[in-house]
Amino acid sequence: MSLPKILIINQPFNKNTGGGITLSNLFCNWGRKNLAVACSGYLLTDKMDPTICNNYYQLGSKERKWIFPLNLFRRKYYSGPVNIDDRANTKQKVVVERSKFRVKLILDYIVPIFDYIGVSHFQAKTKLSSSFCKWLDAIDPDVYYMQAASREGILFCNELIKYKKRPVIFHMMDDWPSLVGIKGPMKNFWERKIDNEFRQLLNEADLLMGISDYMCEEYKNRYGKKFVTFHNPINLNFWKKAQRNNYQLANTPTILYAGRIGLGIDKSLENIAEAIESVNKILQSNIKFIIQTEIAPNWIKNFNNVHHQKFVAYEDLPRVFSQADILVLPYDFSPESQSYIKYSMPTKAPEYMASGTPIIIFAPEDTALVQYAEKYHWAAVVTENSVPVLIENLKKLFFDRSLREQIATTAKNIAETRHDSVQVAREFEQLIFTTVGKKVIV
């Protein structure tokens, strides 16, 4: 049986973001001649991975329209097809130089204001241009695989479905709709409106996917729809090439966090740094806390044993993860943060498991991450937002070699039985075949 042609909406393939890594692993065996991607220009960079898919349409200035006066300041993005194999051409068309000051100004000041007053929900709209429709008609996909993380993304998906009917697979990564009604004078209005628009999209979908079991359970209750769990699978052979098997502590032990900073994570990272500083004083030790993120958090200068390092190439992650003595997975405890991350599953969780390094989770009890770890015992878990409690758990991990080995061994076994990309990708592919077969394409 030939593979269906899939158009992926709103998520490119790459190895430097959680979404891109998850997508790459789910579609690892599909064959790039049967894949195409359409997404906004700000999501496309020169770090995209052409090995799985090289056929892109960049939704740029022809499709994405901003309201006045924002249209006077927006960056100009190319609109049209992009072949990722042609690196020189790709960089010319895709990579738009960004001012660090401008990005910081927008993220720290403008975005929070727009979110509060509700402007962010209609500041831009992505429409179907004649150029995009021509490209869409030419590739003539058999099925849509869609993601959306904003009202703009929902409306674009709904508009695309109206233009060309195809079976729809919708995959939810974060429970961002739960944040819409949290603040601002227009919160109730936008909560109702976006909920109605989102339900319209769900009603059009033939297969619904969530990022965790907890999300799928919640969405069944909230939306009355069945969701199937798919989060990041991993290539076991890739991770086994540098897998840790020795649980003796290094002379200068290290605790590593690798990932993003910001909403849902930053405060807990700072608490972990404070706890490590206290452990060093109590034990007269020199434990280092390494934070591997794109930029260093502002508070890092307050701690002597906290060190920032830039992201490494994805190919180097097995070595970096296995060289650490402990890996940490944090989530913040604030109500807003919990609403955002409650049903999410970090892309790096299966990668941490496969590394062979023991894991400690510092996160609220009522999250998908904690529920998963407590059910299968693949990490030490701290669910109380307390630095003293965190200190005691860290001391226990450092004193008890057998505990470190037990946690790491269990995690490796869970990675093999539940996150093997060969098995998960096969299940993912079978569901797509079944979904396409349910509908007659006209």
Protein backbone atom coordinates (compact mmCIF):
# COMPACT_ATOMS: atom_id res chain seq x y z
CA MET A 1 0.00 0.00 0.00
CA SER A 2 1.38 3.43 -0.94
CA LEU A 3 1.82 6.00 1.78
CA PRO A 4 -0.76 8.80 1.96
CA LYS A 5 0.52 12.30 1.20
CA ILE A 6 0.39 14.39 4.36
CA LEU A 7 0.31 18.17 4.70
CA ILE A 8 1.58 19.23 8.12
CA ILE A 9 0.28 22.55 9.42
CA ASN A 10 2.06 24.86 11.90
CA GLN A 11 5.06 22.71 12.86
CA PRO A 12 8.38 22.32 10.96
CA PHE A 13 10.85 19.44 11.31
CA ASN A 14 13.94 20.37 13.30
CA LYS A 15 16.16 19.10 16.10
CA ASN A 16 16.33 22.21 18.26
CA THR A 17 12.71 22.48 19.49
CA GLY A 18 10.51 20.03 21.35
CA GLY A 19 7.81 20.17 18.69
CA GLY A 20 10.26 19.66 15.84
CA ILE A 21 11.93 16.71 17.57
CA THR A 22 8.60 15.03 18.34
CA LEU A 23 7.41 15.50 14.76
CA SER A 24 10.67 14.09 13.38
CA ASN A 25 10.43 10.99 15.54
CA LEU A 26 6.75 10.33 14.78
CA PHE A 27 7.28 10.63 11.02
CA CYS A 28 10.75 9.04 10.98
CA ASN A 29 9.77 6.27 8.54
CA TRP A 30 7.24 8.08 6.38
CA GLY A 31 9.35 9.10 3.41
CA ARG A 32 9.83 12.76 2.56
CA LYS A 33 8.28 12.62 -0.89
CA ASN A 34 4.95 12.07 0.88
CA LEU A 35 5.35 14.95 3.36
CA ALA A 36 4.91 18.71 3.04
CA VAL A 37 4.79 21.48 5.66
CA ALA A 38 3.06 24.86 5.75
CA CYS A 39 3.86 27.21 8.62
CA SER A 40 4.61 30.83 9.44
CA GLY A 41 7.97 32.34 8.63
CA TYR A 42 8.96 32.93 12.24
CA LEU A 43 8.94 29.16 12.80
CA LEU A 44 11.35 28.42 9.96
CA THR A 45 15.09 28.73 10.53
CA ASP A 46 18.31 27.50 8.96
CA LYS A 47 18.29 24.68 11.57
CA MET A 48 15.47 22.78 9.91
CA ASP A 49 16.08 19.12 9.15
CA PRO A 50 15.66 18.24 5.43
CA THR A 51 16.19 14.50 5.85
CA ILE A 52 12.55 13.80 6.70
CA CYS A 53 10.85 16.59 4.73
CA ASN A 54 12.18 19.22 2.33
CA ASN A 55 8.93 20.54 0.80
CA TYR A 56 7.76 23.65 2.66
CA TYR A 57 5.47 26.58 2.09
CA GLN A 58 6.40 29.60 4.16
CA LEU A 59 3.31 31.51 5.22
CA GLY A 60 4.66 35.02 4.92
CA SER A 61 3.54 38.52 4.04
CA LYS A 62 0.99 37.37 1.45
CA GLU A 63 -0.82 35.21 3.99
CA ARG A 64 -0.19 36.76 7.41
CA LYS A 65 -1.84 40.17 7.79
CA TRP A 66 -1.40 42.40 10.86
CA ILE A 67 -3.77 45.01 12.22
CA PHE A 68 -2.87 48.72 12.16
CA PRO A 69 -0.49 50.04 13.45
CA LEU A 70 1.36 46.74 13.96
CA ASN A 71 1.49 46.26 10.20
CA LEU A 72 3.87 49.23 10.03
CA PHE A 73 6.49 47.50 12.23
CA ARG A 74 6.29 43.81 11.36
CA ARG A 75 9.17 41.99 9.68
CA LYS A 76 8.79 41.15 6.00
CA TYR A 77 8.68 37.41 5.45
CA TYR A 78 8.91 35.74 2.07
CA SER A 79 5.72 33.94 1.00
CA GLY A 80 5.98 30.82 -1.10
CA PRO A 81 7.54 27.37 -1.56
CA VAL A 82 10.88 26.62 0.05
CA ASN A 83 13.07 23.62 -0.76
CA ILE A 84 15.09 22.94 2.37
CA ASP A 85 17.75 20.98 0.48
CA ASP A 86 18.89 24.19 -1.18
CA ARG A 87 20.56 25.68 1.87
CA ALA A 88 21.77 28.90 0.26
CA ASN A 89 18.36 29.61 -1.23
CA THR A 90 16.63 28.61 2.00
CA LYS A 91 18.71 30.98 4.09
CA GLN A 92 18.07 33.83 1.68
CA LYS A 93 14.30 33.28 1.80
CA VAL A 94 13.77 32.02 5.32
CA VAL A 95 16.24 33.54 7.74
CA VAL A 96 15.18 36.98 8.87
CA GLU A 97 17.71 38.74 11.08
CA ARG A 98 16.22 39.51 14.48
CA SER A 99 17.29 42.29 16.79
CA LYS A 100 17.87 40.84 20.28
CA PHE A 101 16.76 44.13 21.82
CA ARG A 102 13.60 44.13 19.71
CA VAL A 103 12.78 40.51 20.63
CA LYS A 104 13.34 41.20 24.36
CA LEU A 105 11.20 44.36 24.18
CA ILE A 106 8.37 42.46 22.52
CA LEU A 107 8.48 39.41 24.83
CA ASP A 108 8.98 41.28 28.10
CA TYR A 109 6.67 44.25 27.58
CA ILE A 110 4.48 44.25 24.46
CA VAL A 111 3.28 40.61 24.54
CA PRO A 112 2.14 40.74 28.22
CA ILE A 113 0.21 43.97 27.57
CA PHE A 114 -1.42 42.58 24.43
CA ASP A 115 -2.29 39.35 26.24
CA TYR A 116 -3.92 41.28 29.09
CA ILE A 117 -6.11 43.51 26.93
CA GLY A 118 -6.90 40.73 24.44
CA VAL A 119 -5.22 42.26 21.36
CA SER A 120 -3.02 39.18 20.91
CA HIS A 121 -6.07 37.19 19.82
CA PHE A 122 -6.66 39.32 16.71
CA GLN A 123 -3.37 41.15 16.12
CA ALA A 124 -2.68 38.99 13.05
CA LYS A 125 -4.60 36.64 10.81
CA THR A 126 -3.27 34.02 8.42
CA LYS A 127 -5.36 33.69 5.27
CA LEU A 128 -5.21 31.51 2.18
CA SER A 129 -3.45 33.47 -0.56
CA SER A 130 -3.73 32.56 -4.25
CA SER A 131 -0.06 31.55 -4.11
CA PHE A 132 -0.64 29.15 -1.23
CA CYS A 133 -3.76 27.67 -2.83
CA LYS A 134 -1.82 27.02 -6.04
CA TRP A 135 0.87 25.18 -4.06
CA LEU A 136 -1.77 23.26 -2.08
CA ASP A 137 -3.60 22.19 -5.24
CA ALA A 138 -0.32 20.99 -6.76
CA ILE A 139 0.69 18.76 -3.86
CA ASP A 140 -2.93 17.57 -3.40
CA PRO A 141 -2.51 15.98 0.06
CA ASP A 142 -4.49 12.94 1.17
CA VAL A 143 -4.68 14.03 4.80
CA TYR A 144 -3.96 17.04 7.02
CA TYR A 145 -1.93 16.71 10.21
CA MET A 146 -2.55 19.91 12.18
CA GLN A 147 -1.32 21.64 15.30
CA ALA A 148 -2.45 24.99 16.71
CA ALA A 149 -1.19 27.03 19.64
CA SER A 150 -3.24 30.22 19.21
CA ARG A 151 -6.53 31.52 17.93
CA GLU A 152 -4.77 32.49 14.71
CA GLY A 153 -3.67 28.89 14.22
CA ILE A 154 -7.19 27.58 14.84
CA LEU A 155 -8.76 29.98 12.33
CA PHE A 156 -6.19 29.09 9.67
CA CYS A 157 -6.85 25.36 10.14
CA ASN A 158 -10.61 25.93 9.87
CA GLU A 159 -10.18 28.02 6.73
CA LEU A 160 -7.94 25.40 5.11
CA ILE A 161 -10.46 22.63 5.82
CA LYS A 162 -13.21 24.69 4.17
CA TYR A 163 -11.09 25.27 1.05
CA LYS A 164 -10.09 21.66 0.43
CA LYS A 165 -11.82 18.88 2.33
CA ARG A 166 -9.45 16.16 3.49
CA PRO A 167 -9.32 13.83 6.50
CA VAL A 168 -8.00 15.79 9.48
CA ILE A 169 -5.64 14.68 12.25
CA PHE A 170 -5.30 17.25 15.01
CA HIS A 171 -2.54 16.94 17.63
CA MET A 172 -2.61 19.06 20.81
CA MET A 173 0.75 19.81 22.47
CA ASP A 174 -0.12 22.20 25.34
CA ASP A 175 -3.37 23.14 27.05
CA TRP A 176 -3.04 26.78 26.03
CA PRO A 177 -6.87 27.33 25.74
CA SER A 178 -7.07 27.11 29.55
CA LEU A 179 -4.98 30.30 29.79
CA VAL A 180 -7.25 32.42 27.59
CA GLY A 181 -9.73 33.31 30.34
CA ILE A 182 -7.27 33.87 33.19
CA LYS A 183 -6.77 37.64 33.02
CA GLY A 184 -7.78 40.89 31.37
CA PRO A 185 -11.05 42.81 30.99
CA MET A 186 -12.02 40.76 27.91
CA LYS A 187 -11.20 37.36 29.41
CA ASN A 188 -14.74 35.99 29.45
CA PHE A 189 -15.43 37.14 25.89
CA TRP A 190 -12.26 35.55 24.48
CA GLU A 191 -12.69 32.39 26.52
CA ARG A 192 -16.14 31.78 25.02
CA LYS A 193 -15.18 32.81 21.49
CA ILE A 194 -11.98 30.79 21.25
CA ASP A 195 -13.65 27.81 22.89
CA ASN A 196 -16.35 27.85 20.18
CA GLU A 197 -13.76 28.19 17.38
CA PHE A 198 -11.63 25.41 18.85
CA ARG A 199 -14.63 23.10 19.18
CA GLN A 200 -15.43 23.76 15.52
CA LEU A 201 -11.95 22.51 14.61
CA LEU A 202 -12.29 19.45 16.83
CA ASN A 203 -15.64 18.65 15.20
CA GLU A 204 -13.97 18.66 11.78
CA ALA A 205 -11.18 16.31 12.88
CA ASP A 206 -11.29 12.60 12.12
CA LEU A 207 -8.53 11.71 14.60
CA LEU A 208 -7.62 13.65 17.74
CA MET A 209 -4.28 13.25 19.51
CA GLY A 210 -3.00 14.57 22.84
CA ILE A 211 0.49 14.83 24.29
CA SER A 212 -0.25 12.86 27.48
CA ASP A 213 -2.74 10.39 28.95
CA TYR A 214 -3.81 13.04 31.44
CA MET A 215 -4.58 15.52 28.65
CA CYS A 216 -6.60 12.92 26.75
CA GLU A 217 -8.65 12.13 29.87
CA GLU A 218 -9.30 15.83 30.54
CA TYR A 219 -10.21 16.59 26.93
CA LYS A 220 -12.65 13.69 26.87
CA ASN A 221 -14.46 15.34 29.79
CA ARG A 222 -14.07 18.92 28.55
CA TYR A 223 -14.86 18.50 24.86
CA GLY A 224 -16.62 15.14 24.73
CA LYS A 225 -14.07 13.82 22.24
CA LYS A 226 -11.77 10.81 22.26
CA PHE A 227 -8.07 11.73 22.10
CA VAL A 228 -5.22 9.26 21.58
CA THR A 229 -1.89 9.81 23.34
CA PHE A 230 1.24 10.40 21.27
CA HIS A 231 4.26 12.17 22.72
CA ASN A 232 7.91 12.06 21.79
CA PRO A 233 9.30 8.60 20.94
CA ILE A 234 13.07 8.07 20.72
CA ASN A 235 15.60 6.22 18.62
CA LEU A 236 16.96 3.77 21.19
CA ASN A 237 20.12 2.98 19.22
CA PHE A 238 20.94 6.69 19.07
CA TRP A 239 20.61 7.07 22.86
CA LYS A 240 22.36 3.83 23.72
CA LYS A 241 25.59 4.92 22.04
CA ALA A 242 26.54 6.93 25.17
CA GLN A 243 24.18 5.50 27.78
CA ARG A 244 25.30 5.80 31.42
CA ASN A 245 25.82 2.57 33.36
CA ASN A 246 28.13 3.72 36.17
CA TYR A 247 26.50 5.37 39.20
CA GLN A 248 29.57 6.41 41.12
CA LEU A 249 29.50 10.20 41.60
CA ALA A 250 32.09 12.34 39.87
CA ASN A 251 34.62 14.21 42.03
CA THR A 252 32.73 17.37 41.15
CA PRO A 253 29.12 16.16 40.72
CA THR A 254 26.83 17.93 38.26
CA ILE A 255 23.09 18.39 38.06
CA LEU A 256 21.90 19.28 34.56
CA TYR A 257 18.81 20.96 33.22
CA ALA A 258 18.51 21.18 29.43
CA GLY A 259 15.60 22.89 27.71
CA ARG A 260 13.67 26.11 27.62
CA ILE A 261 13.26 28.73 30.31
CA GLY A 262 10.33 31.05 30.93
CA LEU A 263 6.67 30.46 31.77
CA GLY A 264 6.13 27.31 33.78
CA ILE A 265 9.79 26.57 34.58
CA ASP A 266 11.93 29.56 35.58
CA LYS A 267 11.00 29.97 39.26
CA SER A 268 11.50 26.28 40.04
CA LEU A 269 14.91 26.36 38.37
CA GLU A 270 15.89 29.19 40.70
CA ASN A 271 14.64 27.20 43.72
CA ILE A 272 16.73 24.23 42.59
CA ALA A 273 19.78 26.49 42.38
CA GLU A 274 19.09 27.68 45.94
CA ALA A 275 18.70 24.09 47.16
CA ILE A 276 21.99 23.01 45.55
CA GLU A 277 23.77 25.96 47.15
CA SER A 278 22.46 24.83 50.55
CA VAL A 279 23.43 21.20 49.93
CA ASN A 280 26.97 22.34 49.11
CA LYS A 281 27.18 24.21 52.43
CA ILE A 282 25.73 21.31 54.43
CA LEU A 283 27.88 18.60 52.82
CA GLN A 284 30.93 20.79 52.20
CA SER A 285 30.65 19.70 48.57
CA ASN A 286 31.04 21.36 45.20
CA ILE A 287 27.97 20.26 43.23
CA LYS A 288 27.55 22.22 40.01
CA PHE A 289 24.17 23.09 38.54
CA ILE A 290 24.46 23.37 34.76
CA ILE A 291 21.66 25.08 32.86
CA GLN A 292 21.75 24.34 29.14
CA THR A 293 19.42 26.89 27.54
CA GLU A 294 19.43 29.34 24.66
CA ILE A 295 20.02 32.28 27.00
CA ALA A 296 21.04 32.42 30.65
CA PRO A 297 18.29 33.31 33.16
CA ASN A 298 18.68 36.67 34.86
CA TRP A 299 19.00 35.19 38.35
CA ILE A 300 21.99 32.99 37.51
CA LYS A 301 24.44 35.70 38.64
CA ASN A 302 23.20 35.26 42.23
CA PHE A 303 24.70 31.77 42.55
CA ASN A 304 28.35 30.71 42.44
CA ASN A 305 27.74 27.07 41.50
CA VAL A 306 25.28 27.67 38.67
CA HIS A 307 26.78 27.61 35.19
CA HIS A 308 25.13 28.35 31.86
CA GLN A 309 26.03 26.58 28.66
CA LYS A 310 24.63 26.98 25.18
CA PHE A 311 22.61 24.32 23.43
CA VAL A 312 24.75 21.59 21.91
CA ALA A 313 24.05 19.79 18.65
CA TYR A 314 21.33 17.18 18.99
CA GLU A 315 23.85 14.48 18.06
CA ASP A 316 25.82 15.34 21.22
CA LEU A 317 22.91 15.09 23.67
CA PRO A 318 23.40 11.39 24.61
CA ARG A 319 26.97 12.18 25.68
CA VAL A 320 26.02 15.38 27.53
CA PHE A 321 23.09 13.79 29.37
CA SER A 322 25.00 10.66 30.38
CA GLN A 323 27.95 12.70 31.72
CA ALA A 324 25.73 14.45 34.28
CA ASP A 325 25.24 12.81 37.68
CA ILE A 326 21.58 13.86 37.96
CA LEU A 327 19.12 15.28 35.44
CA VAL A 328 16.37 17.60 36.63
CA LEU A 329 12.87 18.16 35.23
CA PRO A 330 11.21 21.22 36.83
CA TYR A 331 7.78 22.82 36.55
CA ASP A 332 6.66 25.98 38.35
CA PHE A 333 3.99 25.94 41.07
CA SER A 334 2.13 29.21 40.30
CA PRO A 335 -1.54 28.86 39.21
CA GLU A 336 -0.82 30.32 35.77
CA SER A 337 2.13 28.02 35.21
CA GLN A 338 0.15 24.98 36.35
CA SER A 339 -2.65 25.83 33.92
CA TYR A 340 -0.13 25.92 31.09
CA ILE A 341 1.88 22.78 31.87
CA LYS A 342 -0.66 20.61 33.70
CA TYR A 343 -1.37 18.26 30.80
CA SER A 344 1.93 18.64 28.92
CA MET A 345 4.68 16.06 28.60
CA PRO A 346 8.23 17.38 28.08
CA THR A 347 9.88 16.20 24.86
CA LYS A 348 13.06 15.57 26.81
CA ALA A 349 11.43 13.20 29.34
CA PRO A 350 11.95 10.05 27.21
CA GLU A 351 15.41 11.34 26.25
CA TYR A 352 16.32 11.74 29.91
CA MET A 353 15.04 8.21 30.59
CA ALA A 354 17.13 6.68 27.82
CA SER A 355 20.31 8.51 28.89
CA GLY A 356 20.84 6.26 31.91
CA THR A 357 21.30 9.22 34.25
CA PRO A 358 19.01 9.32 37.32
CA ILE A 359 16.24 11.93 37.15
CA ILE A 360 14.63 14.14 39.77
CA ILE A 361 11.34 15.93 39.10
CA PHE A 362 10.41 19.11 40.96
CA ALA A 363 6.82 19.87 39.95
CA PRO A 364 3.20 20.07 41.19
CA GLU A 365 1.44 16.78 41.94
CA ASP A 366 -1.45 17.50 39.57
CA THR A 367 0.54 17.32 36.33
CA ALA A 368 0.86 14.70 33.61
CA LEU A 369 4.61 14.55 34.17
CA VAL A 370 4.36 13.70 37.88
CA GLN A 371 1.52 11.22 37.36
CA TYR A 372 3.57 9.39 34.74
CA ALA A 373 6.72 9.31 36.88
CA GLU A 374 4.89 8.14 40.00
CA LYS A 375 3.02 5.44 38.12
CA TYR A 376 6.16 3.88 36.63
CA HIS A 377 8.81 5.00 39.19
CA TRP A 378 11.30 6.32 36.62
CA ALA A 379 12.30 9.41 38.64
CA ALA A 380 12.63 10.77 42.14
CA VAL A 381 9.69 13.14 42.61
CA VAL A 382 9.34 16.28 44.76
CA THR A 383 5.82 17.74 44.63
CA GLU A 384 6.03 20.18 47.53
CA ASN A 385 7.08 23.71 46.61
CA SER A 386 9.65 23.81 49.39
CA VAL A 387 13.38 24.37 49.14
CA PRO A 388 14.03 22.47 52.43
CA VAL A 389 12.13 19.43 51.10
CA LEU A 390 14.07 19.66 47.84
CA ILE A 391 17.33 19.82 49.81
CA GLU A 392 16.49 16.60 51.67
CA ASN A 393 15.64 14.75 48.45
CA LEU A 394 18.82 15.91 46.75
CA LYS A 395 20.89 14.79 49.76
CA LYS A 396 19.19 11.40 49.65
CA LEU A 397 20.03 10.99 45.97
CA PHE A 398 23.65 11.95 46.49
CA PHE A 399 24.11 9.65 49.51
CA ASP A 400 22.32 6.60 48.08
CA ARG A 401 24.07 5.07 45.08
CA SER A 402 21.66 2.14 44.92
CA LEU A 403 18.71 4.56 44.68
CA ARG A 404 20.35 6.40 41.80
CA GLU A 405 20.96 3.13 39.98
CA GLN A 406 17.44 1.84 40.66
CA ILE A 407 15.82 5.02 39.28
CA ALA A 408 18.06 5.09 36.21
CA THR A 409 17.58 1.39 35.43
CA THR A 410 13.80 1.69 35.68
CA ALA A 411 13.86 4.75 33.43
CA LYS A 412 15.90 2.93 30.79
CA ASN A 413 13.44 0.02 30.84
CA ILE A 414 10.45 2.38 30.46
CA ALA A 415 12.17 4.11 27.55
CA GLU A 416 12.61 0.77 25.80
CA THR A 417 9.10 -0.55 26.42
CA ARG A 418 7.03 2.62 25.96
CA HIS A 419 9.05 5.12 23.88
CA ASP A 420 10.83 3.11 21.19
CA SER A 421 10.35 5.12 17.97
CA VAL A 422 10.18 1.93 15.89
CA GLN A 423 7.12 0.72 17.80
CA VAL A 424 5.46 4.13 18.39
CA ALA A 425 5.96 5.32 14.81
CA ARG A 426 4.40 2.08 13.56
CA GLU A 427 1.31 2.65 15.75
CA PHE A 428 1.17 6.28 14.62
CA GLU A 429 1.36 5.27 10.96
CA GLN A 430 -1.35 2.64 11.36
CA LEU A 431 -3.75 5.20 12.81
CA ILE A 432 -3.11 7.50 9.86
CA PHE A 433 -3.83 4.71 7.38
CA THR A 434 -7.05 3.90 9.24
CA THR A 435 -8.10 7.56 9.30
CA VAL A 436 -7.49 8.09 5.60
CA GLY A 437 -9.43 4.92 4.83
CA LYS A 438 -12.47 6.19 6.74
CA LYS A 439 -13.11 9.05 4.34
CA VAL A 440 -13.56 9.22 0.60
CA ILE A 441 -11.43 12.09 -0.76
CA VAL A 442 -13.29 14.26 -3.28
